[in-house]
Amino acid sequence: MIKGIRVWSVMVCLAFMSVAWAGAAPVQALEKMTGRLIQQIKKNQPKFDRDPDLIYRMIKKTVMPLIAQQQMGQYVVGRTDWNRASAQQRNEFLKYFSKMVVSTYAGAIKSYSDQVVRYYPLRGDISKASIVSVRSLIEPSDGPSVQVSYQMIRLGKRWKILDFSVD
């Protein structure tokens, strides 16, 4: 009887842990990406003037894998126009759209100066959600804080950025 209660307790704990993990996964994905990017910026910032392409390579390696490029592109173009476009047109659009995203991040990275990024925990059970909103706060060493909201989409077992807005 006691052994049965212990097994049940372990199963309940594992169930709650899996729900907690599913809820934290989008935030953890953003925190991991941000941490890696900040570490690379601090390490390589003195090299940016000598090697401007370094920033673009960092973004392609660190940020772009977390972006749902096709879904983001479809979101920007609109479902109807996306569906009307040929595969070649979609691929061409995504190629230029990715360059624009990389360029946008590059501009932000060039102006980085020890800002702190904080992510707010998600509310509720998102284990069955396909899209969630993650809020963050960028705190500069001087000046006002900036709120950034990310729309994250679940693709298989991974969470990726679908959209973001700066408030």
Foldseek 3Di string as FASTA:
>chain_A
DVVVVVVVVVVVVVVVVVQVCLQCQVVVLVVVLVVQLVVVLVVCVVCCVVPVCVLLVSCVVRPVVQAPLLLLLCVVVDVVVVVVDDPVVSVVSSVVVVVVVSVVVSVVSNPDDPWDKAKDGDDDGCNPPQKDKIKMWTGDPDDDIKIKIFIWGDDPNHIHTNDMDID
